[in-house]
Amino acid sequence: MNNFYLSLIFTAISFSSFAQDTIYMDSKYQELDTKKGAKYFKIITPTPDKDYEFLRTTYFADGTRKAEQSYDLKDEKKVYEGLHKHFYESGELFYTLEYKRGKKHGKLIAYWKNGEKRRHDIFKRDKLKEGTVWNKNGEEIEYFDHLIHPVFPGGPKALNKYLIENIKVPEYHNTRQRVVVSFTIGKDGKTKDIKIVEKAPAEYMVEAYRVVKEMPIWKPGKLFGERVNVCYSLPLIFAI
């Protein structure tokens, strides 16, 4: 299972571009200028005859369909609508999930590769109402959430405490500075792929990078019960 994202920045572009462009992406879904090194590609199509404005179809590099996701654009932000479909790399249907006005609303049905049902959840306005999970043998097992986010040891308050106690503010600091760091929580719970995405003077960026790199091991995230890499974006404020 590949990386998934807690949040995505989506920029509206022209109808002609939607209709014509093939957008190539790397293993983290970052857009590339060319197809070289691409893990995926996507095509976004206007859908004036549907109940939603756009359909984004994502493919694996070999052309196998990976996902179909429909949405509207509201103030340049995508709002999921309708039935979304996701597929295994080998082509079988993985799961479907219904959305309404950007919230999970309806059924989430997942399948094993052999076509046997894997889980059946019912959501109403993003809240789980009921759900059932089965193993590969078709036996019902103890229920667990389909998406489990990584957890810093001790939770969010412990993360804040760690940052406050470990960030070393440059001695000459006399202005407010903001650094945004992106990183991945790996399947082993370690931070990796650390990048500065909003810059400040070098000393602040070095310190932001260090404090993320030296984080203790997180409890990894899971998708459908399997560990996955999860990408985060963390703003760090150096205030006066």
Protein backbone atom coordinates (compact mmCIF):
# COMPACT_ATOMS: atom_id res chain seq x y z
CA MET A 1 0.00 0.00 0.00
CA ASN A 2 1.38 3.40 -0.91
CA ASN A 3 1.46 6.79 0.75
CA PHE A 4 -1.79 8.54 1.46
CA TYR A 5 -2.31 12.17 2.35
CA LEU A 6 -4.15 13.81 5.18
CA SER A 7 -4.57 16.95 3.15
CA LEU A 8 -3.96 18.00 -0.44
CA ILE A 9 -3.64 21.45 -1.99
CA PHE A 10 -5.72 21.63 -5.15
CA THR A 11 -5.48 24.50 -7.63
CA ALA A 12 -8.18 25.23 -10.16
CA ILE A 13 -7.03 25.43 -13.78
CA SER A 14 -8.82 26.06 -17.03
CA PHE A 15 -11.41 23.75 -18.55
CA SER A 16 -9.23 23.22 -21.60
CA SER A 17 -6.36 22.11 -19.39
CA PHE A 18 -8.60 19.68 -17.50
CA ALA A 19 -9.78 18.18 -20.75
CA GLN A 20 -6.34 17.76 -22.32
CA ASP A 21 -3.65 17.40 -19.69
CA THR A 22 -2.17 14.21 -18.35
CA ILE A 23 -0.50 14.96 -15.02
CA TYR A 24 2.34 12.68 -13.93
CA MET A 25 3.15 12.06 -10.25
CA ASP A 26 5.85 10.39 -8.17
CA SER A 27 5.31 7.79 -5.44
CA LYS A 28 4.15 10.55 -3.04
CA TYR A 29 1.69 11.99 -5.56
CA GLN A 30 3.88 15.05 -6.13
CA GLU A 31 3.39 16.35 -9.66
CA LEU A 32 6.25 15.97 -12.14
CA ASP A 33 7.13 18.02 -15.19
CA THR A 34 7.56 14.90 -17.34
CA LYS A 35 6.60 11.24 -17.20
CA LYS A 36 10.17 10.22 -16.33
CA GLY A 37 10.18 8.56 -12.90
CA ALA A 38 6.39 8.72 -12.62
CA LYS A 39 4.64 6.16 -10.42
CA TYR A 40 1.14 7.42 -11.28
CA PHE A 41 -0.64 9.77 -13.63
CA LYS A 42 -4.05 11.42 -13.48
CA ILE A 43 -6.53 12.91 -15.90
CA ILE A 44 -9.12 15.44 -14.72
CA THR A 45 -12.24 15.79 -16.83
CA PRO A 46 -15.13 18.29 -16.59
CA THR A 47 -18.51 16.53 -16.16
CA PRO A 48 -21.26 19.05 -17.01
CA ASP A 49 -23.83 16.26 -17.39
CA LYS A 50 -23.24 14.86 -13.87
CA ASP A 51 -24.19 15.85 -10.33
CA TYR A 52 -20.56 16.80 -9.74
CA GLU A 53 -18.24 19.14 -11.64
CA PHE A 54 -15.10 17.08 -12.20
CA LEU A 55 -13.91 13.48 -12.36
CA ARG A 56 -10.30 12.72 -11.48
CA THR A 57 -9.11 9.34 -12.73
CA THR A 58 -5.74 8.17 -11.39
CA TYR A 59 -3.72 5.41 -13.03
CA PHE A 60 -0.66 3.37 -12.18
CA ALA A 61 2.28 4.02 -14.51
CA ASP A 62 1.36 1.00 -16.67
CA GLY A 63 -2.11 2.44 -17.33
CA THR A 64 -4.02 0.28 -14.84
CA ARG A 65 -6.78 2.30 -13.21
CA LYS A 66 -6.10 3.18 -9.57
CA ALA A 67 -8.98 5.46 -8.55
CA GLU A 68 -12.00 7.41 -9.74
CA GLN A 69 -12.88 10.43 -7.59
CA SER A 70 -15.58 12.99 -8.33
CA TYR A 71 -15.78 16.45 -6.80
CA ASP A 72 -16.90 20.07 -7.03
CA LEU A 73 -14.66 23.12 -6.69
CA LYS A 74 -15.59 25.62 -3.99
CA ASP A 75 -13.24 28.61 -3.68
CA GLU A 76 -10.54 26.55 -5.42
CA LYS A 77 -10.90 23.72 -2.90
CA LYS A 78 -12.14 20.31 -3.93
CA VAL A 79 -15.30 19.01 -2.25
CA TYR A 80 -15.81 15.30 -2.77
CA GLU A 81 -19.16 14.17 -4.15
CA GLY A 82 -20.68 10.90 -5.27
CA LEU A 83 -19.28 7.38 -5.38
CA HIS A 84 -15.50 7.04 -5.33
CA LYS A 85 -13.80 3.86 -6.53
CA HIS A 86 -10.33 2.52 -5.71
CA PHE A 87 -8.56 -0.44 -7.30
CA TYR A 88 -5.71 -2.80 -6.51
CA GLU A 89 -2.59 -2.48 -8.67
CA SER A 90 -3.54 -5.80 -10.24
CA GLY A 91 -6.85 -4.28 -11.37
CA GLU A 92 -9.42 -5.72 -8.94
CA LEU A 93 -11.87 -3.42 -7.18
CA PHE A 94 -10.46 -2.52 -3.75
CA TYR A 95 -13.18 -0.35 -2.21
CA THR A 96 -15.93 2.15 -2.90
CA LEU A 97 -16.90 5.09 -0.71
CA GLU A 98 -19.80 7.53 -0.99
CA TYR A 99 -19.43 11.28 -0.35
CA LYS A 100 -21.85 14.16 0.01
CA ARG A 101 -20.70 17.78 0.27
CA GLY A 102 -17.17 16.71 1.16
CA LYS A 103 -18.14 14.29 3.90
CA LYS A 104 -18.30 10.51 3.98
CA HIS A 105 -22.01 9.85 3.65
CA GLY A 106 -23.29 6.41 2.73
CA LYS A 107 -21.51 3.11 2.30
CA LEU A 108 -17.86 2.15 2.38
CA ILE A 109 -17.50 -1.34 0.93
CA ALA A 110 -14.08 -2.97 0.62
CA TYR A 111 -13.12 -6.25 -1.04
CA TRP A 112 -10.27 -8.71 -0.88
CA LYS A 113 -8.54 -9.41 -4.18
CA ASN A 114 -10.56 -12.61 -4.61
CA GLY A 115 -13.77 -10.55 -4.59
CA GLU A 116 -14.83 -11.52 -1.07
CA LYS A 117 -16.18 -8.64 1.00
CA ARG A 118 -13.58 -7.17 3.36
CA ARG A 119 -15.65 -4.62 5.24
CA HIS A 120 -18.97 -2.78 5.09
CA ASP A 121 -19.27 0.55 6.91
CA ILE A 122 -22.10 3.07 6.93
CA PHE A 123 -21.34 6.77 7.44
CA LYS A 124 -23.59 9.75 7.96
CA ARG A 125 -21.97 13.19 7.61
CA ASP A 126 -18.51 11.77 8.29
CA LYS A 127 -19.59 9.82 11.37
CA LEU A 128 -19.53 6.04 11.47
CA LYS A 129 -22.95 4.56 12.23
CA GLU A 130 -22.17 0.87 11.95
CA GLY A 131 -19.66 -1.45 10.38
CA THR A 132 -18.57 -5.06 9.91
CA VAL A 133 -15.16 -6.50 9.00
CA TRP A 134 -14.28 -9.92 7.55
CA ASN A 135 -10.97 -11.73 7.09
CA LYS A 136 -9.79 -13.35 3.84
CA ASN A 137 -11.68 -16.52 4.74
CA GLY A 138 -14.99 -14.66 4.99
CA GLU A 139 -15.09 -14.88 8.80
CA GLU A 140 -16.32 -11.86 10.73
CA ILE A 141 -13.61 -10.39 12.96
CA GLU A 142 -13.38 -7.68 15.62
CA TYR A 143 -14.19 -4.28 14.16
CA PHE A 144 -11.48 -1.65 13.60
CA ASP A 145 -11.54 1.74 11.85
CA HIS A 146 -10.60 1.66 8.18
CA LEU A 147 -8.29 4.66 8.64
CA ILE A 148 -6.07 5.09 11.70
CA HIS A 149 -3.77 8.12 11.81
CA PRO A 150 -0.23 7.93 13.24
CA VAL A 151 0.03 8.94 16.89
CA PHE A 152 2.95 10.71 18.54
CA PRO A 153 3.91 8.94 21.81
CA GLY A 154 1.53 10.40 24.38
CA GLY A 155 -0.66 12.15 21.83
CA PRO A 156 -0.93 15.77 20.55
CA LYS A 157 -0.17 17.37 23.92
CA ALA A 158 3.00 15.32 24.19
CA LEU A 159 3.99 16.44 20.68
CA ASN A 160 3.57 20.10 21.67
CA LYS A 161 5.60 19.48 24.83
CA TYR A 162 8.35 17.79 22.81
CA LEU A 163 8.57 20.74 20.41
CA ILE A 164 8.59 23.37 23.18
CA GLU A 165 11.28 21.54 25.16
CA ASN A 166 13.52 20.61 22.24
CA ILE A 167 13.51 23.51 19.80
CA LYS A 168 16.55 25.73 20.30
CA VAL A 169 15.82 29.30 19.31
CA PRO A 170 18.79 31.11 17.65
CA GLU A 171 20.54 33.46 20.09
CA TYR A 172 20.05 36.54 17.94
CA HIS A 173 16.31 35.84 17.51
CA ASN A 174 14.34 39.11 17.49
CA THR A 175 11.63 38.64 14.86
CA ARG A 176 8.76 36.23 14.33
CA GLN A 177 9.77 33.40 11.99
CA ARG A 178 7.72 30.57 10.54
CA VAL A 179 9.08 27.34 9.07
CA VAL A 180 6.86 24.65 7.57
CA VAL A 181 8.29 21.15 7.47
CA SER A 182 6.87 18.25 5.49
CA PHE A 183 7.79 14.72 6.49
CA THR A 184 6.60 11.16 6.35
CA ILE A 185 5.78 8.87 9.26
CA GLY A 186 6.99 5.53 7.92
CA LYS A 187 5.51 2.11 8.46
CA ASP A 188 8.08 1.70 11.24
CA GLY A 189 6.93 4.92 12.93
CA LYS A 190 10.14 6.83 12.14
CA THR A 191 10.23 10.27 10.49
CA LYS A 192 11.74 10.36 7.02
CA ASP A 193 11.68 12.33 3.74
CA ILE A 194 11.97 15.59 5.68
CA LYS A 195 11.73 18.75 3.59
CA ILE A 196 11.42 22.47 4.31
CA VAL A 197 8.42 23.73 2.32
CA GLU A 198 8.20 27.24 3.79
CA LYS A 199 11.58 28.82 4.34
CA ALA A 200 13.09 31.24 6.85
CA PRO A 201 16.71 32.24 7.64
CA ALA A 202 19.01 29.21 7.51
CA GLU A 203 19.44 28.75 11.27
CA TYR A 204 15.69 28.38 11.74
CA MET A 205 15.38 25.84 8.91
CA VAL A 206 18.29 23.79 10.28
CA GLU A 207 16.68 23.72 13.73
CA ALA A 208 13.23 22.80 12.34
CA TYR A 209 14.77 19.96 10.32
CA ARG A 210 16.70 18.68 13.35
CA VAL A 211 13.77 18.63 15.76
CA VAL A 212 11.64 16.64 13.28
CA LYS A 213 14.47 14.23 12.46
CA GLU A 214 15.07 13.50 16.17
CA MET A 215 11.42 12.85 17.04
CA PRO A 216 10.73 9.64 18.96
CA ILE A 217 9.08 6.79 17.08
CA TRP A 218 5.36 7.32 16.38
CA LYS A 219 2.66 4.67 16.42
CA PRO A 220 2.29 4.07 12.65
CA GLY A 221 -0.83 4.82 10.66
CA LYS A 222 -2.98 2.09 9.18
CA LEU A 223 -5.29 1.85 6.19
CA PHE A 224 -7.65 -1.14 6.18
CA GLY A 225 -5.58 -2.72 8.93
CA GLU A 226 -2.25 -2.49 7.09
CA ARG A 227 0.58 -0.13 8.02
CA VAL A 228 1.10 2.75 5.59
CA ASN A 229 3.38 5.73 5.15
CA VAL A 230 1.63 8.96 6.14
CA CYS A 231 2.72 12.44 5.03
CA TYR A 232 2.43 15.41 7.36
CA SER A 233 3.00 19.15 7.13
CA LEU A 234 4.03 20.81 10.38
CA PRO A 235 4.22 24.61 10.87
CA LEU A 236 6.76 25.74 13.48
CA ILE A 237 6.51 29.32 14.78
CA PHE A 238 9.51 31.05 16.34
CA ALA A 239 7.80 33.93 18.17
CA ILE A 240 9.29 36.91 19.95
